[in-house]
Amino acid sequence: MNYGVILASGKGTRIKDNIDLPKQFRLINDKPVIIYTILNFLKTKRFDIIYIAVSKEYLDYTNKLILEYFGEIPNIKVICGGKERIDSITNCINSIIKDNGCREEDVIVIHDAVRPFVTEKILNDSIDSAREHNAVVCAMPVADTLLCSTNGEQVESIPNRSFYYKGQAPDSFKLKVFLDLLNNLTEDQKNKLTGTSQVCTMNNYPIYMIEGDEINFKITTKSDFALAEAVVKGINEDEVIKNNTR
């Protein structure tokens, strides 16, 4: 089975404005960010079930959005997320196992709701590579010059950027492999997790890379929303919905 996991429990506190709504539910061209993300998962047509983790106060709201834009879709399940990223992932995995068990070849693809333009190629490559390598992260080469500074004021070194990549999402795994790696971590290590792929690095487990895409950017700031608006203007959303919810 292939499971999609969309993490949508964040509060979006890095955007400083007066809008009291998490980023994933704000509108881009009159549609919520999360709807674009779900659309791209549906477009791939390879996910048996898509789990969406949201904060408790947005459970009903998310279900209403899905019903509004997609109607009754049996392979989408909205569950309650957790306080931290790893908590939301764990809740999704627990729901997967409760609903379907855990098989050796099951794959889980973990994505951020606020990366709404993830491509079909990225999602397909994530599934295929996870089946081959067990653990995969989406990444792009760093294009800018890197400056190293421990005090934030003076440049101490300029690393060779050819060795560095910027991580995107999704992170994809054989489900059983991910569970084993997660269960092998101490509570202190779990508390220090900031990214999904750290489950591998903390276990000294190899994680492979697939090629990302600049359009697969994370909406974090006001300027990101402006960029997202520009991207969406080139998309016929109504036709996408029609083609992917039949």
C-alpha atoms as a PDB file:
ATOM      1  CA  MET A   1       0.000   0.000   0.000  1.00  0.00           C
ATOM      2  CA  ASN A   2       1.061   3.584  -0.617  1.00  0.00           C
ATOM      3  CA  TYR A   3       0.054   6.059   2.066  1.00  0.00           C
ATOM      4  CA  GLY A   4       0.138   9.808   1.689  1.00  0.00           C
ATOM      5  CA  VAL A   5       0.505  11.901   4.837  1.00  0.00           C
ATOM      6  CA  ILE A   6      -0.149  15.645   4.702  1.00  0.00           C
ATOM      7  CA  LEU A   7       0.901  17.569   7.808  1.00  0.00           C
ATOM      8  CA  ALA A   8      -1.401  20.528   8.446  1.00  0.00           C
ATOM      9  CA  SER A   9      -1.261  21.145  12.196  1.00  0.00           C
ATOM     10  CA  GLY A  10       1.035  24.179  12.125  1.00  0.00           C
ATOM     11  CA  LYS A  11      -0.011  27.626  13.293  1.00  0.00           C
ATOM     12  CA  GLY A  12       2.081  29.688  10.861  1.00  0.00           C
ATOM     13  CA  THR A  13       3.479  31.991  13.527  1.00  0.00           C
ATOM     14  CA  ARG A  14       6.308  33.280  11.322  1.00  0.00           C
ATOM     15  CA  ILE A  15       3.877  35.382   9.303  1.00  0.00           C
ATOM     16  CA  LYS A  16       3.403  38.599  11.219  1.00  0.00           C
ATOM     17  CA  ASP A  17      -0.019  39.950  10.310  1.00  0.00           C
ATOM     18  CA  ASN A  18      -3.499  40.251  11.750  1.00  0.00           C
ATOM     19  CA  ILE A  19      -5.001  37.222  10.004  1.00  0.00           C
ATOM     20  CA  ASP A  20      -5.972  34.639  12.609  1.00  0.00           C
ATOM     21  CA  LEU A  21      -5.841  31.634  10.307  1.00  0.00           C
ATOM     22  CA  PRO A  22      -3.063  29.063   9.785  1.00  0.00           C
ATOM     23  CA  LYS A  23      -1.229  29.309   6.454  1.00  0.00           C
ATOM     24  CA  GLN A  24      -2.609  26.038   5.130  1.00  0.00           C
ATOM     25  CA  PHE A  25      -6.158  27.407   5.265  1.00  0.00           C
ATOM     26  CA  ARG A  26      -5.501  30.836   3.795  1.00  0.00           C
ATOM     27  CA  LEU A  27      -6.625  31.494   0.263  1.00  0.00           C
ATOM     28  CA  ILE A  28      -4.634  31.512  -2.946  1.00  0.00           C
ATOM     29  CA  ASN A  29      -6.819  32.721  -5.788  1.00  0.00           C
ATOM     30  CA  ASP A  30      -9.945  32.017  -3.694  1.00  0.00           C
ATOM     31  CA  LYS A  31      -8.963  28.458  -2.739  1.00  0.00           C
ATOM     32  CA  PRO A  32      -7.260  27.295   0.480  1.00  0.00           C
ATOM     33  CA  VAL A  33      -3.581  26.344   0.266  1.00  0.00           C
ATOM     34  CA  ILE A  34      -4.273  22.815   1.497  1.00  0.00           C
ATOM     35  CA  ILE A  35      -6.693  22.164  -1.362  1.00  0.00           C
ATOM     36  CA  TYR A  36      -3.878  22.567  -3.906  1.00  0.00           C
ATOM     37  CA  THR A  37      -1.733  20.134  -1.916  1.00  0.00           C
ATOM     38  CA  ILE A  38      -4.490  17.530  -1.780  1.00  0.00           C
ATOM     39  CA  LEU A  39      -5.161  17.987  -5.496  1.00  0.00           C
ATOM     40  CA  ASN A  40      -1.591  17.105  -6.382  1.00  0.00           C
ATOM     41  CA  PHE A  41      -1.714  13.973  -4.222  1.00  0.00           C
ATOM     42  CA  LEU A  42      -4.937  12.916  -5.933  1.00  0.00           C
ATOM     43  CA  LYS A  43      -3.475  13.683  -9.343  1.00  0.00           C
ATOM     44  CA  THR A  44      -0.716  11.126  -8.756  1.00  0.00           C
ATOM     45  CA  LYS A  45      -3.359   8.376  -8.498  1.00  0.00           C
ATOM     46  CA  ARG A  46      -1.019   6.061  -6.601  1.00  0.00           C
ATOM     47  CA  PHE A  47      -2.043   6.676  -3.003  1.00  0.00           C
ATOM     48  CA  ASP A  48      -4.373   4.092  -1.518  1.00  0.00           C
ATOM     49  CA  ILE A  49      -5.241   6.383   1.397  1.00  0.00           C
ATOM     50  CA  ILE A  50      -4.306   9.997   2.164  1.00  0.00           C
ATOM     51  CA  TYR A  51      -4.121  10.940   5.846  1.00  0.00           C
ATOM     52  CA  ILE A  52      -4.313  14.623   6.764  1.00  0.00           C
ATOM     53  CA  ALA A  53      -3.192  15.675  10.251  1.00  0.00           C
ATOM     54  CA  VAL A  54      -4.734  18.925  11.517  1.00  0.00           C
ATOM     55  CA  SER A  55      -5.072  20.544  14.920  1.00  0.00           C
ATOM     56  CA  LYS A  56      -8.172  19.571  16.879  1.00  0.00           C
ATOM     57  CA  GLU A  57      -9.911  22.919  16.363  1.00  0.00           C
ATOM     58  CA  TYR A  58      -9.702  22.535  12.566  1.00  0.00           C
ATOM     59  CA  LEU A  59     -10.912  18.940  12.231  1.00  0.00           C
ATOM     60  CA  ASP A  60     -14.480  19.832  11.312  1.00  0.00           C
ATOM     61  CA  TYR A  61     -13.356  22.752   9.171  1.00  0.00           C
ATOM     62  CA  THR A  62     -10.992  20.552   7.150  1.00  0.00           C
ATOM     63  CA  ASN A  63     -13.647  17.893   6.613  1.00  0.00           C
ATOM     64  CA  LYS A  64     -16.040  20.572   5.378  1.00  0.00           C
ATOM     65  CA  LEU A  65     -13.427  21.900   2.950  1.00  0.00           C
ATOM     66  CA  ILE A  66     -12.802  18.438   1.535  1.00  0.00           C
ATOM     67  CA  LEU A  67     -16.518  17.843   1.128  1.00  0.00           C
ATOM     68  CA  GLU A  68     -16.927  21.251  -0.540  1.00  0.00           C
ATOM     69  CA  TYR A  69     -14.140  20.797  -3.082  1.00  0.00           C
ATOM     70  CA  PHE A  70     -14.083  17.041  -3.650  1.00  0.00           C
ATOM     71  CA  GLY A  71     -17.337  15.590  -2.397  1.00  0.00           C
ATOM     72  CA  GLU A  72     -17.270  12.196  -0.720  1.00  0.00           C
ATOM     73  CA  ILE A  73     -13.779  10.743  -1.228  1.00  0.00           C
ATOM     74  CA  PRO A  74     -13.316   7.494   0.734  1.00  0.00           C
ATOM     75  CA  ASN A  75      -9.517   7.467   0.501  1.00  0.00           C
ATOM     76  CA  ILE A  76      -9.034  10.746   2.395  1.00  0.00           C
ATOM     77  CA  LYS A  77      -8.992  10.599   6.181  1.00  0.00           C
ATOM     78  CA  VAL A  78      -8.607  13.643   8.439  1.00  0.00           C
ATOM     79  CA  ILE A  79      -7.160  12.969  11.883  1.00  0.00           C
ATOM     80  CA  CYS A  80      -6.015  14.998  14.854  1.00  0.00           C
ATOM     81  CA  GLY A  81      -2.381  16.077  14.692  1.00  0.00           C
ATOM     82  CA  GLY A  82       0.012  16.554  17.577  1.00  0.00           C
ATOM     83  CA  LYS A  83       1.957  19.313  19.266  1.00  0.00           C
ATOM     84  CA  GLU A  84       5.140  18.729  17.245  1.00  0.00           C
ATOM     85  CA  ARG A  85       5.769  17.462  13.722  1.00  0.00           C
ATOM     86  CA  ILE A  86       6.819  14.018  14.903  1.00  0.00           C
ATOM     87  CA  ASP A  87       3.656  13.777  17.026  1.00  0.00           C
ATOM     88  CA  SER A  88       1.466  14.385  13.974  1.00  0.00           C
ATOM     89  CA  ILE A  89       3.419  11.801  11.987  1.00  0.00           C
ATOM     90  CA  THR A  90       3.069   9.293  14.815  1.00  0.00           C
ATOM     91  CA  ASN A  91      -0.691   9.902  14.998  1.00  0.00           C
ATOM     92  CA  CYS A  92      -0.988   9.264  11.258  1.00  0.00           C
ATOM     93  CA  ILE A  93       1.065   6.075  11.475  1.00  0.00           C
ATOM     94  CA  ASN A  94      -0.998   4.820  14.405  1.00  0.00           C
ATOM     95  CA  SER A  95      -4.142   5.450  12.366  1.00  0.00           C
ATOM     96  CA  ILE A  96      -2.655   3.643   9.361  1.00  0.00           C
ATOM     97  CA  ILE A  97      -1.750   0.593  11.435  1.00  0.00           C
ATOM     98  CA  LYS A  98      -5.126   0.569  13.188  1.00  0.00           C
ATOM     99  CA  ASP A  99      -6.958   0.753   9.852  1.00  0.00           C
ATOM    100  CA  ASN A 100      -4.756  -1.462   7.683  1.00  0.00           C
ATOM    101  CA  GLY A 101      -1.916  -3.042   9.636  1.00  0.00           C
ATOM    102  CA  CYS A 102       1.725  -2.750   8.539  1.00  0.00           C
ATOM    103  CA  ARG A 103       3.251  -4.748   5.690  1.00  0.00           C
ATOM    104  CA  GLU A 104       6.880  -5.036   4.641  1.00  0.00           C
ATOM    105  CA  GLU A 105       6.358  -3.229   1.326  1.00  0.00           C
ATOM    106  CA  ASP A 106       4.056  -0.434   2.559  1.00  0.00           C
ATOM    107  CA  VAL A 107       5.333   3.069   1.705  1.00  0.00           C
ATOM    108  CA  ILE A 108       4.575   6.307   3.515  1.00  0.00           C
ATOM    109  CA  VAL A 109       5.076   9.695   1.820  1.00  0.00           C
ATOM    110  CA  ILE A 110       5.132  12.569   4.336  1.00  0.00           C
ATOM    111  CA  HIS A 111       4.503  16.067   3.003  1.00  0.00           C
ATOM    112  CA  ASP A 112       3.849  19.608   4.248  1.00  0.00           C
ATOM    113  CA  ALA A 113       0.426  21.092   3.541  1.00  0.00           C
ATOM    114  CA  VAL A 114       2.131  24.442   2.912  1.00  0.00           C
ATOM    115  CA  ARG A 115       4.088  23.078  -0.059  1.00  0.00           C
ATOM    116  CA  PRO A 116       1.035  23.174  -2.346  1.00  0.00           C
ATOM    117  CA  PHE A 117       2.814  22.801  -5.693  1.00  0.00           C
ATOM    118  CA  VAL A 118       4.535  19.456  -5.188  1.00  0.00           C
ATOM    119  CA  THR A 119       4.756  17.873  -8.616  1.00  0.00           C
ATOM    120  CA  GLU A 120       3.472  14.542  -9.835  1.00  0.00           C
ATOM    121  CA  LYS A 121       7.064  13.601 -10.714  1.00  0.00           C
ATOM    122  CA  ILE A 122       8.281  14.273  -7.172  1.00  0.00           C
ATOM    123  CA  LEU A 123       5.516  12.154  -5.664  1.00  0.00           C
ATOM    124  CA  ASN A 124       6.044   9.300  -8.121  1.00  0.00           C
ATOM    125  CA  ASP A 125       9.817   9.408  -7.632  1.00  0.00           C
ATOM    126  CA  SER A 126       9.291   9.418  -3.856  1.00  0.00           C
ATOM    127  CA  ILE A 127       7.214   6.243  -3.958  1.00  0.00           C
ATOM    128  CA  ASP A 128       9.519   4.435  -6.389  1.00  0.00           C
ATOM    129  CA  SER A 129      12.724   5.419  -4.618  1.00  0.00           C
ATOM    130  CA  ALA A 130      11.349   4.539  -1.178  1.00  0.00           C
ATOM    131  CA  ARG A 131      10.566   1.062  -2.472  1.00  0.00           C
ATOM    132  CA  GLU A 132      14.152   0.724  -3.692  1.00  0.00           C
ATOM    133  CA  HIS A 133      16.103   2.486  -0.927  1.00  0.00           C
ATOM    134  CA  ASN A 134      13.768   2.428   2.122  1.00  0.00           C
ATOM    135  CA  ALA A 135      14.371   6.081   3.059  1.00  0.00           C
ATOM    136  CA  VAL A 136      14.270   9.065   0.715  1.00  0.00           C
ATOM    137  CA  VAL A 137      14.272  12.854   0.967  1.00  0.00           C
ATOM    138  CA  CYS A 138      13.443  15.393  -1.729  1.00  0.00           C
ATOM    139  CA  ALA A 139      16.290  17.878  -2.205  1.00  0.00           C
ATOM    140  CA  MET A 140      17.691  20.591  -4.449  1.00  0.00           C
ATOM    141  CA  PRO A 141      21.319  21.734  -4.909  1.00  0.00           C
ATOM    142  CA  VAL A 142      22.134  24.986  -3.129  1.00  0.00           C
ATOM    143  CA  ALA A 143      22.465  27.777  -5.684  1.00  0.00           C
ATOM    144  CA  ASP A 144      23.487  30.661  -3.421  1.00  0.00           C
ATOM    145  CA  THR A 145      26.848  31.213  -1.794  1.00  0.00           C
ATOM    146  CA  LEU A 146      26.915  29.777   1.739  1.00  0.00           C
ATOM    147  CA  LEU A 147      28.287  31.867   4.594  1.00  0.00           C
ATOM    148  CA  CYS A 148      29.165  30.293   7.941  1.00  0.00           C
ATOM    149  CA  SER A 149      28.896  32.501  11.032  1.00  0.00           C
ATOM    150  CA  THR A 150      28.466  31.378  14.627  1.00  0.00           C
ATOM    151  CA  ASN A 151      27.801  34.880  15.983  1.00  0.00           C
ATOM    152  CA  GLY A 152      25.590  36.114  13.166  1.00  0.00           C
ATOM    153  CA  GLU A 153      27.807  39.131  12.555  1.00  0.00           C
ATOM    154  CA  GLN A 154      31.066  37.995  10.975  1.00  0.00           C
ATOM    155  CA  VAL A 155      31.688  35.488   8.206  1.00  0.00           C
ATOM    156  CA  GLU A 156      33.981  32.748   9.448  1.00  0.00           C
ATOM    157  CA  SER A 157      34.069  30.550   6.363  1.00  0.00           C
ATOM    158  CA  ILE A 158      32.525  30.066   2.942  1.00  0.00           C
ATOM    159  CA  PRO A 159      31.773  26.347   2.433  1.00  0.00           C
ATOM    160  CA  ASN A 160      31.911  24.662  -0.942  1.00  0.00           C
ATOM    161  CA  ARG A 161      28.253  24.800  -1.966  1.00  0.00           C
ATOM    162  CA  SER A 162      28.633  21.857  -4.348  1.00  0.00           C
ATOM    163  CA  PHE A 163      28.465  19.585  -1.294  1.00  0.00           C
ATOM    164  CA  TYR A 164      25.235  21.094   0.046  1.00  0.00           C
ATOM    165  CA  TYR A 165      21.565  20.578  -0.771  1.00  0.00           C
ATOM    166  CA  LYS A 166      18.408  22.186   0.543  1.00  0.00           C
ATOM    167  CA  GLY A 167      15.854  19.737   1.800  1.00  0.00           C
ATOM    168  CA  GLN A 168      12.294  19.997   0.601  1.00  0.00           C
ATOM    169  CA  ALA A 169       9.405  17.622   1.197  1.00  0.00           C
ATOM    170  CA  PRO A 170       8.185  14.949   0.966  1.00  0.00           C
ATOM    171  CA  ASP A 171      10.207  12.520   3.053  1.00  0.00           C
ATOM    172  CA  SER A 172       9.354   8.951   2.083  1.00  0.00           C
ATOM    173  CA  PHE A 173       9.976   5.590   3.706  1.00  0.00           C
ATOM    174  CA  LYS A 174       9.093   1.980   3.850  1.00  0.00           C
ATOM    175  CA  LEU A 175       6.604   2.242   6.703  1.00  0.00           C
ATOM    176  CA  LYS A 176       8.102  -0.588   8.749  1.00  0.00           C
ATOM    177  CA  VAL A 177      11.620   0.824   8.343  1.00  0.00           C
ATOM    178  CA  PHE A 178      10.467   4.234   9.559  1.00  0.00           C
ATOM    179  CA  LEU A 179       8.730   2.694  12.565  1.00  0.00           C
ATOM    180  CA  ASP A 180      11.833   0.728  13.524  1.00  0.00           C
ATOM    181  CA  LEU A 181      14.035   3.824  13.222  1.00  0.00           C
ATOM    182  CA  LEU A 182      11.626   5.935  15.241  1.00  0.00           C
ATOM    183  CA  ASN A 183      11.280   3.344  17.987  1.00  0.00           C
ATOM    184  CA  ASN A 184      15.069   3.118  18.195  1.00  0.00           C
ATOM    185  CA  LEU A 185      15.372   6.772  19.235  1.00  0.00           C
ATOM    186  CA  THR A 186      15.567   7.887  22.841  1.00  0.00           C
ATOM    187  CA  GLU A 187      12.997  10.352  24.164  1.00  0.00           C
ATOM    188  CA  ASP A 188      15.706  13.014  24.204  1.00  0.00           C
ATOM    189  CA  GLN A 189      16.453  12.393  20.522  1.00  0.00           C
ATOM    190  CA  LYS A 190      12.753  12.539  19.667  1.00  0.00           C
ATOM    191  CA  ASN A 191      12.481  15.889  21.430  1.00  0.00           C
ATOM    192  CA  LYS A 192      15.322  17.243  19.281  1.00  0.00           C
ATOM    193  CA  LEU A 193      13.761  16.258  15.957  1.00  0.00           C
ATOM    194  CA  THR A 194      13.124  19.233  13.680  1.00  0.00           C
ATOM    195  CA  GLY A 195      12.895  17.399  10.357  1.00  0.00           C
ATOM    196  CA  THR A 196      11.500  14.001   9.412  1.00  0.00           C
ATOM    197  CA  SER A 197      14.703  12.726   7.805  1.00  0.00           C
ATOM    198  CA  GLN A 198      16.597  13.201  11.076  1.00  0.00           C
ATOM    199  CA  VAL A 199      15.050   9.902  12.113  1.00  0.00           C
ATOM    200  CA  CYS A 200      17.601   8.403   9.699  1.00  0.00           C
ATOM    201  CA  THR A 201      20.621  10.545  10.537  1.00  0.00           C
ATOM    202  CA  MET A 202      20.164   9.961  14.273  1.00  0.00           C
ATOM    203  CA  ASN A 203      20.250   6.220  13.572  1.00  0.00           C
ATOM    204  CA  ASN A 204      23.179   6.437  11.131  1.00  0.00           C
ATOM    205  CA  TYR A 205      20.811   4.991   8.547  1.00  0.00           C
ATOM    206  CA  PRO A 206      21.349   5.903   4.880  1.00  0.00           C
ATOM    207  CA  ILE A 207      18.828   8.270   3.337  1.00  0.00           C
ATOM    208  CA  TYR A 208      18.802   8.794  -0.405  1.00  0.00           C
ATOM    209  CA  MET A 209      17.882  11.921  -2.337  1.00  0.00           C
ATOM    210  CA  ILE A 210      15.514  12.481  -5.216  1.00  0.00           C
ATOM    211  CA  GLU A 211      15.486  15.643  -7.294  1.00  0.00           C
ATOM    212  CA  GLY A 212      13.151  18.369  -6.068  1.00  0.00           C
ATOM    213  CA  ASP A 213      11.754  21.324  -7.951  1.00  0.00           C
ATOM    214  CA  GLU A 214      11.899  25.070  -7.312  1.00  0.00           C
ATOM    215  CA  ILE A 215       8.109  25.211  -7.618  1.00  0.00           C
ATOM    216  CA  ASN A 216       7.877  22.903  -4.597  1.00  0.00           C
ATOM    217  CA  PHE A 217       8.531  25.816  -2.249  1.00  0.00           C
ATOM    218  CA  LYS A 218       7.230  26.164   1.286  1.00  0.00           C
ATOM    219  CA  ILE A 219       4.860  29.032   2.013  1.00  0.00           C
ATOM    220  CA  THR A 220       6.387  30.771   5.010  1.00  0.00           C
ATOM    221  CA  THR A 221       6.235  34.529   4.446  1.00  0.00           C
ATOM    222  CA  LYS A 222       3.953  37.137   2.873  1.00  0.00           C
ATOM    223  CA  SER A 223       6.159  37.201  -0.218  1.00  0.00           C
ATOM    224  CA  ASP A 224       5.666  33.438  -0.579  1.00  0.00           C
ATOM    225  CA  PHE A 225       1.926  34.025  -0.812  1.00  0.00           C
ATOM    226  CA  ALA A 226       2.494  36.594  -3.537  1.00  0.00           C
ATOM    227  CA  LEU A 227       4.623  34.081  -5.431  1.00  0.00           C
ATOM    228  CA  ALA A 228       1.979  31.392  -4.944  1.00  0.00           C
ATOM    229  CA  GLU A 229      -0.687  33.694  -6.381  1.00  0.00           C
ATOM    230  CA  ALA A 230       1.466  34.191  -9.474  1.00  0.00           C
ATOM    231  CA  VAL A 231       1.915  30.426  -9.863  1.00  0.00           C
ATOM    232  CA  VAL A 232      -1.785  29.683  -9.513  1.00  0.00           C
ATOM    233  CA  LYS A 233      -2.782  32.186 -12.173  1.00  0.00           C
ATOM    234  CA  GLY A 234      -1.268  29.816 -14.701  1.00  0.00           C
ATOM    235  CA  ILE A 235      -3.360  26.859 -13.473  1.00  0.00           C
ATOM    236  CA  ASN A 236      -6.938  26.039 -14.394  1.00  0.00           C
ATOM    237  CA  GLU A 237      -7.929  24.801 -10.935  1.00  0.00           C
ATOM    238  CA  ASP A 238     -11.489  23.887 -11.888  1.00  0.00           C
ATOM    239  CA  GLU A 239     -10.264  21.605 -14.652  1.00  0.00           C
ATOM    240  CA  VAL A 240      -7.735  19.994 -12.266  1.00  0.00           C
ATOM    241  CA  ILE A 241     -10.492  19.289  -9.728  1.00  0.00           C
ATOM    242  CA  LYS A 242     -12.725  17.857 -12.453  1.00  0.00           C
ATOM    243  CA  ASN A 243     -10.013  15.536 -13.759  1.00  0.00           C
ATOM    244  CA  ASN A 244      -8.854  14.231 -10.384  1.00  0.00           C
ATOM    245  CA  THR A 245     -12.050  13.609  -8.472  1.00  0.00           C
ATOM    246  CA  ARG A 246     -13.958  11.461 -10.942  1.00  0.00           C
END
